[in-house]
Amino acid sequence: MPGGQVYLRDETGEKELLTTLVDLYERHIVDFCAAVAHGGKPLATAQDGYRSLEAALALRTSAASREVVSLLREGVGA
């Protein structure tokens, strides 16, 4: 089970944010099953998954090359 602390750091200093541990994999599977069973929309779409993978791969490429890797392209990103 993951754990740890989350801190918010800004110009006024640093403070710990109180969090509740949640198994995100379980939450997404339960929500996906409910969406399939009841015709709803899941928490994450296929497009969300694609963009997350794209970002992770760009991060890996950037770390290896030590260069900026842009994810922005025409009509995508903000």
PDB file of N, CA and C in Angstrom:
ATOM      1  N   MET A   1       0.849  -1.178   0.000  1.00  0.00           N
ATOM      2  CA  MET A   1       0.000   0.000   0.000  1.00  0.00           C
ATOM      3  C   MET A   1       0.894   1.240   0.000  1.00  0.00           C
ATOM      4  N   PRO A   2       0.685   2.127  -0.967  1.00  0.00           N
ATOM      5  CA  PRO A   2       1.498   3.342  -0.993  1.00  0.00           C
ATOM      6  C   PRO A   2       1.264   4.204   0.239  1.00  0.00           C
ATOM      7  N   GLY A   3       2.209   5.022   0.542  1.00  0.00           N
ATOM      8  CA  GLY A   3       2.070   5.898   1.690  1.00  0.00           C
ATOM      9  C   GLY A   3       2.990   7.085   1.555  1.00  0.00           C
ATOM     10  N   GLY A   4       2.955   7.942   2.527  1.00  0.00           N
ATOM     11  CA  GLY A   4       3.821   9.103   2.522  1.00  0.00           C
ATOM     12  C   GLY A   4       3.039  10.351   2.867  1.00  0.00           C
ATOM     13  N   GLN A   5       3.682  11.467   2.663  1.00  0.00           N
ATOM     14  CA  GLN A   5       3.061  12.745   2.960  1.00  0.00           C
ATOM     15  C   GLN A   5       3.044  13.595   1.690  1.00  0.00           C
ATOM     16  N   VAL A   6       2.094  14.544   1.672  1.00  0.00           N
ATOM     17  CA  VAL A   6       2.001  15.503   0.580  1.00  0.00           C
ATOM     18  C   VAL A   6       2.177  16.886   1.183  1.00  0.00           C
ATOM     19  N   TYR A   7       3.052  17.672   0.573  1.00  0.00           N
ATOM     20  CA  TYR A   7       3.326  19.011   1.066  1.00  0.00           C
ATOM     21  C   TYR A   7       3.000  20.043  -0.002  1.00  0.00           C
ATOM     22  N   LEU A   8       2.470  21.152   0.450  1.00  0.00           N
ATOM     23  CA  LEU A   8       2.240  22.304  -0.421  1.00  0.00           C
ATOM     24  C   LEU A   8       3.308  23.330  -0.092  1.00  0.00           C
ATOM     25  N   ARG A   9       4.067  23.712  -1.104  1.00  0.00           N
ATOM     26  CA  ARG A   9       5.124  24.689  -0.904  1.00  0.00           C
ATOM     27  C   ARG A   9       4.842  25.888  -1.796  1.00  0.00           C
ATOM     28  N   ASP A  10       4.798  27.084  -1.186  1.00  0.00           N
ATOM     29  CA  ASP A  10       4.630  28.317  -1.944  1.00  0.00           C
ATOM     30  C   ASP A  10       5.458  29.417  -1.304  1.00  0.00           C
ATOM     31  N   GLU A  11       5.220  30.663  -1.713  1.00  0.00           N
ATOM     32  CA  GLU A  11       6.045  31.773  -1.224  1.00  0.00           C
ATOM     33  C   GLU A  11       5.909  32.004   0.286  1.00  0.00           C
ATOM     34  N   THR A  12       4.855  31.462   0.897  1.00  0.00           N
ATOM     35  CA  THR A  12       4.670  31.660   2.341  1.00  0.00           C
ATOM     36  C   THR A  12       5.306  30.550   3.170  1.00  0.00           C
ATOM     37  N   GLY A  13       5.772  29.503   2.504  1.00  0.00           N
ATOM     38  CA  GLY A  13       6.398  28.411   3.235  1.00  0.00           C
ATOM     39  C   GLY A  13       5.883  27.062   2.780  1.00  0.00           C
ATOM     40  N   GLU A  14       5.923  26.125   3.690  1.00  0.00           N
ATOM     41  CA  GLU A  14       5.539  24.753   3.371  1.00  0.00           C
ATOM     42  C   GLU A  14       4.597  24.235   4.438  1.00  0.00           C
ATOM     43  N   LYS A  15       3.547  23.523   3.998  1.00  0.00           N
ATOM     44  CA  LYS A  15       2.658  22.895   4.971  1.00  0.00           C
ATOM     45  C   LYS A  15       2.223  21.534   4.459  1.00  0.00           C
ATOM     46  N   GLU A  16       2.026  20.621   5.398  1.00  0.00           N
ATOM     47  CA  GLU A  16       1.596  19.272   5.037  1.00  0.00           C
ATOM     48  C   GLU A  16       0.101  19.273   4.780  1.00  0.00           C
ATOM     49  N   LEU A  17      -0.309  18.608   3.689  1.00  0.00           N
ATOM     50  CA  LEU A  17      -1.726  18.458   3.388  1.00  0.00           C
ATOM     51  C   LEU A  17      -2.194  17.104   3.898  1.00  0.00           C
ATOM     52  N   LEU A  18      -3.324  17.092   4.559  1.00  0.00           N
ATOM     53  CA  LEU A  18      -3.878  15.834   5.046  1.00  0.00           C
ATOM     54  C   LEU A  18      -4.516  15.098   3.885  1.00  0.00           C
ATOM     55  N   THR A  19      -4.208  13.824   3.758  1.00  0.00           N
ATOM     56  CA  THR A  19      -4.730  13.015   2.665  1.00  0.00           C
ATOM     57  C   THR A  19      -5.297  11.712   3.199  1.00  0.00           C
ATOM     58  N   THR A  20      -6.115  11.086   2.381  1.00  0.00           N
ATOM     59  CA  THR A  20      -6.657   9.774   2.689  1.00  0.00           C
ATOM     60  C   THR A  20      -6.117   8.804   1.653  1.00  0.00           C
ATOM     61  N   LEU A  21      -5.512   7.718   2.095  1.00  0.00           N
ATOM     62  CA  LEU A  21      -4.989   6.730   1.160  1.00  0.00           C
ATOM     63  C   LEU A  21      -6.134   6.011   0.476  1.00  0.00           C
ATOM     64  N   VAL A  22      -6.070   5.952  -0.841  1.00  0.00           N
ATOM     65  CA  VAL A  22      -7.087   5.289  -1.650  1.00  0.00           C
ATOM     66  C   VAL A  22      -6.371   4.414  -2.670  1.00  0.00           C
ATOM     67  N   ASP A  23      -6.842   3.207  -2.858  1.00  0.00           N
ATOM     68  CA  ASP A  23      -6.294   2.342  -3.898  1.00  0.00           C
ATOM     69  C   ASP A  23      -6.903   2.795  -5.222  1.00  0.00           C
ATOM     70  N   LEU A  24      -6.145   3.582  -5.987  1.00  0.00           N
ATOM     71  CA  LEU A  24      -6.673   4.166  -7.217  1.00  0.00           C
ATOM     72  C   LEU A  24      -6.988   3.115  -8.273  1.00  0.00           C
ATOM     73  N   TYR A  25      -6.232   2.031  -8.307  1.00  0.00           N
ATOM     74  CA  TYR A  25      -6.524   0.962  -9.261  1.00  0.00           C
ATOM     75  C   TYR A  25      -7.893   0.358  -8.966  1.00  0.00           C
ATOM     76  N   GLU A  26      -8.134   0.057  -7.699  1.00  0.00           N
ATOM     77  CA  GLU A  26      -9.420  -0.510  -7.313  1.00  0.00           C
ATOM     78  C   GLU A  26     -10.546   0.472  -7.621  1.00  0.00           C
ATOM     79  N   ARG A  27     -10.331   1.722  -7.299  1.00  0.00           N
ATOM     80  CA  ARG A  27     -11.364   2.739  -7.545  1.00  0.00           C
ATOM     81  C   ARG A  27     -11.720   2.822  -9.028  1.00  0.00           C
ATOM     82  N   HIS A  28     -10.706   2.794  -9.897  1.00  0.00           N
ATOM     83  CA  HIS A  28     -10.965   2.875 -11.332  1.00  0.00           C
ATOM     84  C   HIS A  28     -11.661   1.623 -11.861  1.00  0.00           C
ATOM     85  N   ILE A  29     -11.276   0.447 -11.373  1.00  0.00           N
ATOM     86  CA  ILE A  29     -11.916  -0.795 -11.816  1.00  0.00           C
ATOM     87  C   ILE A  29     -13.377  -0.821 -11.386  1.00  0.00           C
ATOM     88  N   VAL A  30     -13.652  -0.462 -10.140  1.00  0.00           N
ATOM     89  CA  VAL A  30     -15.031  -0.426  -9.643  1.00  0.00           C
ATOM     90  C   VAL A  30     -15.856   0.570 -10.446  1.00  0.00           C
ATOM     91  N   ASP A  31     -15.290   1.743 -10.689  1.00  0.00           N
ATOM     92  CA  ASP A  31     -16.005   2.771 -11.452  1.00  0.00           C
ATOM     93  C   ASP A  31     -16.230   2.330 -12.896  1.00  0.00           C
ATOM     94  N   PHE A  32     -15.227   1.680 -13.514  1.00  0.00           N
ATOM     95  CA  PHE A  32     -15.363   1.196 -14.886  1.00  0.00           C
ATOM     96  C   PHE A  32     -16.477   0.157 -14.980  1.00  0.00           C
ATOM     97  N   CYS A  33     -16.494  -0.777 -14.033  1.00  0.00           N
ATOM     98  CA  CYS A  33     -17.538  -1.810 -14.024  1.00  0.00           C
ATOM     99  C   CYS A  33     -18.925  -1.181 -13.869  1.00  0.00           C
ATOM    100  N   ALA A  34     -19.033  -0.182 -13.010  1.00  0.00           N
ATOM    101  CA  ALA A  34     -20.321   0.508 -12.829  1.00  0.00           C
ATOM    102  C   ALA A  34     -20.724   1.236 -14.106  1.00  0.00           C
ATOM    103  N   ALA A  35     -19.766   1.843 -14.796  1.00  0.00           N
ATOM    104  CA  ALA A  35     -20.061   2.545 -16.049  1.00  0.00           C
ATOM    105  C   ALA A  35     -20.552   1.565 -17.108  1.00  0.00           C
ATOM    106  N   VAL A  36     -19.926   0.384 -17.192  1.00  0.00           N
ATOM    107  CA  VAL A  36     -20.350  -0.624 -18.166  1.00  0.00           C
ATOM    108  C   VAL A  36     -21.739  -1.142 -17.816  1.00  0.00           C
ATOM    109  N   ALA A  37     -21.949  -1.432 -16.544  1.00  0.00           N
ATOM    110  CA  ALA A  37     -23.230  -2.001 -16.116  1.00  0.00           C
ATOM    111  C   ALA A  37     -24.392  -1.023 -16.240  1.00  0.00           C
ATOM    112  N   HIS A  38     -24.118   0.262 -16.033  1.00  0.00           N
ATOM    113  CA  HIS A  38     -25.198   1.240 -15.981  1.00  0.00           C
ATOM    114  C   HIS A  38     -25.133   2.284 -17.089  1.00  0.00           C
ATOM    115  N   GLY A  39     -24.207   2.111 -18.021  1.00  0.00           N
ATOM    116  CA  GLY A  39     -24.127   3.024 -19.155  1.00  0.00           C
ATOM    117  C   GLY A  39     -23.566   4.392 -18.844  1.00  0.00           C
ATOM    118  N   GLY A  40     -22.808   4.514 -17.772  1.00  0.00           N
ATOM    119  CA  GLY A  40     -22.232   5.801 -17.400  1.00  0.00           C
ATOM    120  C   GLY A  40     -20.879   6.020 -18.043  1.00  0.00           C
ATOM    121  N   LYS A  41     -20.211   7.078 -17.633  1.00  0.00           N
ATOM    122  CA  LYS A  41     -18.887   7.411 -18.131  1.00  0.00           C
ATOM    123  C   LYS A  41     -17.863   7.090 -17.040  1.00  0.00           C
ATOM    124  N   PRO A  42     -16.792   6.355 -17.381  1.00  0.00           N
ATOM    125  CA  PRO A  42     -15.781   6.029 -16.373  1.00  0.00           C
ATOM    126  C   PRO A  42     -14.975   7.265 -15.965  1.00  0.00           C
ATOM    127  N   LEU A  43     -14.263   7.148 -14.855  1.00  0.00           N
ATOM    128  CA  LEU A  43     -13.426   8.250 -14.376  1.00  0.00           C
ATOM    129  C   LEU A  43     -12.380   8.648 -15.395  1.00  0.00           C
ATOM    130  N   ALA A  44     -11.797   7.674 -16.075  1.00  0.00           N
ATOM    131  CA  ALA A  44     -10.773   7.944 -17.083  1.00  0.00           C
ATOM    132  C   ALA A  44     -11.194   7.316 -18.399  1.00  0.00           C
ATOM    133  N   THR A  45     -11.053   8.080 -19.465  1.00  0.00           N
ATOM    134  CA  THR A  45     -11.400   7.593 -20.795  1.00  0.00           C
ATOM    135  C   THR A  45     -10.180   6.972 -21.462  1.00  0.00           C
ATOM    136  N   ALA A  46     -10.384   6.357 -22.600  1.00  0.00           N
ATOM    137  CA  ALA A  46      -9.258   5.820 -23.369  1.00  0.00           C
ATOM    138  C   ALA A  46      -8.316   6.949 -23.765  1.00  0.00           C
ATOM    139  N   GLN A  47      -8.872   8.113 -24.099  1.00  0.00           N
ATOM    140  CA  GLN A  47      -8.040   9.270 -24.454  1.00  0.00           C
ATOM    141  C   GLN A  47      -7.184   9.692 -23.260  1.00  0.00           C
ATOM    142  N   ASP A  48      -7.743   9.659 -22.050  1.00  0.00           N
ATOM    143  CA  ASP A  48      -6.966   9.971 -20.846  1.00  0.00           C
ATOM    144  C   ASP A  48      -5.791   9.009 -20.700  1.00  0.00           C
ATOM    145  N   GLY A  49      -6.044   7.733 -20.914  1.00  0.00           N
ATOM    146  CA  GLY A  49      -4.986   6.730 -20.810  1.00  0.00           C
ATOM    147  C   GLY A  49      -3.914   6.943 -21.859  1.00  0.00           C
ATOM    148  N   TYR A  50      -4.323   7.258 -23.073  1.00  0.00           N
ATOM    149  CA  TYR A  50      -3.374   7.507 -24.151  1.00  0.00           C
ATOM    150  C   TYR A  50      -2.481   8.696 -23.819  1.00  0.00           C
ATOM    151  N   ARG A  51      -3.082   9.790 -23.353  1.00  0.00           N
ATOM    152  CA  ARG A  51      -2.315  10.995 -23.036  1.00  0.00           C
ATOM    153  C   ARG A  51      -1.372  10.752 -21.849  1.00  0.00           C
ATOM    154  N   SER A  52      -1.812   9.965 -20.877  1.00  0.00           N
ATOM    155  CA  SER A  52      -0.942   9.639 -19.733  1.00  0.00           C
ATOM    156  C   SER A  52       0.272   8.842 -20.194  1.00  0.00           C
ATOM    157  N   LEU A  53       0.049   7.864 -21.064  1.00  0.00           N
ATOM    158  CA  LEU A  53       1.156   7.076 -21.593  1.00  0.00           C
ATOM    159  C   LEU A  53       2.082   7.947 -22.434  1.00  0.00           C
ATOM    160  N   GLU A  54       1.490   8.813 -23.247  1.00  0.00           N
ATOM    161  CA  GLU A  54       2.286   9.720 -24.068  1.00  0.00           C
ATOM    162  C   GLU A  54       3.182  10.611 -23.190  1.00  0.00           C
ATOM    163  N   ALA A  55       2.632  11.111 -22.093  1.00  0.00           N
ATOM    164  CA  ALA A  55       3.407  11.956 -21.178  1.00  0.00           C
ATOM    165  C   ALA A  55       4.517  11.157 -20.506  1.00  0.00           C
ATOM    166  N   ALA A  56       4.226   9.928 -20.083  1.00  0.00           N
ATOM    167  CA  ALA A  56       5.242   9.100 -19.427  1.00  0.00           C
ATOM    168  C   ALA A  56       6.383   8.764 -20.387  1.00  0.00           C
ATOM    169  N   LEU A  57       6.052   8.457 -21.620  1.00  0.00           N
ATOM    170  CA  LEU A  57       7.089   8.143 -22.603  1.00  0.00           C
ATOM    171  C   LEU A  57       7.919   9.380 -22.941  1.00  0.00           C
ATOM    172  N   ALA A  58       7.271  10.538 -23.026  1.00  0.00           N
ATOM    173  CA  ALA A  58       8.007  11.779 -23.286  1.00  0.00           C
ATOM    174  C   ALA A  58       8.941  12.091 -22.124  1.00  0.00           C
ATOM    175  N   LEU A  59       8.485  11.849 -20.907  1.00  0.00           N
ATOM    176  CA  LEU A  59       9.316  12.064 -19.727  1.00  0.00           C
ATOM    177  C   LEU A  59      10.556  11.179 -19.771  1.00  0.00           C
ATOM    178  N   ARG A  60      10.359   9.916 -20.119  1.00  0.00           N
ATOM    179  CA  ARG A  60      11.489   8.988 -20.211  1.00  0.00           C
ATOM    180  C   ARG A  60      12.469   9.428 -21.297  1.00  0.00           C
ATOM    181  N   THR A  61      11.935   9.831 -22.445  1.00  0.00           N
ATOM    182  CA  THR A  61      12.782  10.302 -23.542  1.00  0.00           C
ATOM    183  C   THR A  61      13.546  11.554 -23.144  1.00  0.00           C
ATOM    184  N   SER A  62      12.867  12.483 -22.487  1.00  0.00           N
ATOM    185  CA  SER A  62      13.495  13.723 -22.047  1.00  0.00           C
ATOM    186  C   SER A  62      14.603  13.447 -21.036  1.00  0.00           C
ATOM    187  N   ALA A  63      14.340  12.550 -20.107  1.00  0.00           N
ATOM    188  CA  ALA A  63      15.356  12.224 -19.098  1.00  0.00           C
ATOM    189  C   ALA A  63      16.584  11.586 -19.741  1.00  0.00           C
ATOM    190  N   ALA A  64      16.364  10.728 -20.720  1.00  0.00           N
ATOM    191  CA  ALA A  64      17.484  10.055 -21.376  1.00  0.00           C
ATOM    192  C   ALA A  64      18.291  11.004 -22.265  1.00  0.00           C
ATOM    193  N   SER A  65      17.593  11.911 -22.945  1.00  0.00           N
ATOM    194  CA  SER A  65      18.267  12.810 -23.886  1.00  0.00           C
ATOM    195  C   SER A  65      18.676  14.133 -23.264  1.00  0.00           C
ATOM    196  N   ARG A  66      18.119  14.415 -22.076  1.00  0.00           N
ATOM    197  CA  ARG A  66      18.335  15.696 -21.400  1.00  0.00           C
ATOM    198  C   ARG A  66      17.894  16.877 -22.262  1.00  0.00           C
ATOM    199  N   GLU A  67      16.839  16.650 -23.046  1.00  0.00           N
ATOM    200  CA  GLU A  67      16.260  17.690 -23.890  1.00  0.00           C
ATOM    201  C   GLU A  67      14.764  17.774 -23.624  1.00  0.00           C
ATOM    202  N   VAL A  68      14.206  18.934 -23.935  1.00  0.00           N
ATOM    203  CA  VAL A  68      12.765  19.138 -23.778  1.00  0.00           C
ATOM    204  C   VAL A  68      12.035  18.334 -24.842  1.00  0.00           C
ATOM    205  N   VAL A  69      10.991  17.615 -24.443  1.00  0.00           N
ATOM    206  CA  VAL A  69      10.144  16.894 -25.374  1.00  0.00           C
ATOM    207  C   VAL A  69       8.755  17.500 -25.275  1.00  0.00           C
ATOM    208  N   SER A  70       8.271  18.072 -26.355  1.00  0.00           N
ATOM    209  CA  SER A  70       6.981  18.752 -26.358  1.00  0.00           C
ATOM    210  C   SER A  70       5.848  17.774 -26.663  1.00  0.00           C
ATOM    211  N   LEU A  71       4.771  17.917 -25.918  1.00  0.00           N
ATOM    212  CA  LEU A  71       3.570  17.128 -26.183  1.00  0.00           C
ATOM    213  C   LEU A  71       2.525  17.958 -26.932  1.00  0.00           C
ATOM    214  N   LEU A  72       2.786  19.234 -27.078  1.00  0.00           N
ATOM    215  CA  LEU A  72       1.821  20.107 -27.751  1.00  0.00           C
ATOM    216  C   LEU A  72       1.919  19.913 -29.257  1.00  0.00           C
ATOM    217  N   ARG A  73       0.767  19.756 -29.873  1.00  0.00           N
ATOM    218  CA  ARG A  73       0.698  19.703 -31.325  1.00  0.00           C
ATOM    219  C   ARG A  73      -0.611  20.357 -31.739  1.00  0.00           C
ATOM    220  N   GLU A  74      -0.778  20.637 -32.980  1.00  0.00           N
ATOM    221  CA  GLU A  74      -1.946  21.374 -33.443  1.00  0.00           C
ATOM    222  C   GLU A  74      -3.235  20.694 -33.007  1.00  0.00           C
ATOM    223  N   GLY A  75      -4.076  21.480 -32.310  1.00  0.00           N
ATOM    224  CA  GLY A  75      -5.366  20.967 -31.854  1.00  0.00           C
ATOM    225  C   GLY A  75      -5.327  20.159 -30.592  1.00  0.00           C
ATOM    226  N   VAL A  76      -4.133  19.958 -30.015  1.00  0.00           N
ATOM    227  CA  VAL A  76      -4.002  19.133 -28.814  1.00  0.00           C
ATOM    228  C   VAL A  76      -3.195  19.898 -27.777  1.00  0.00           C
ATOM    229  N   GLY A  77      -3.523  19.717 -26.518  1.00  0.00           N
ATOM    230  CA  GLY A  77      -2.792  20.389 -25.445  1.00  0.00           C
ATOM    231  C   GLY A  77      -3.327  21.791 -25.234  1.00  0.00           C
ATOM    232  N   ALA A  78      -2.720  22.461 -24.281  1.00  0.00           N
ATOM    233  CA  ALA A  78      -3.186  23.823 -24.004  1.00  0.00           C
ATOM    234  C   ALA A  78      -2.032  24.695 -23.587  1.00  0.00           C
TER     235      ALA A  78
END
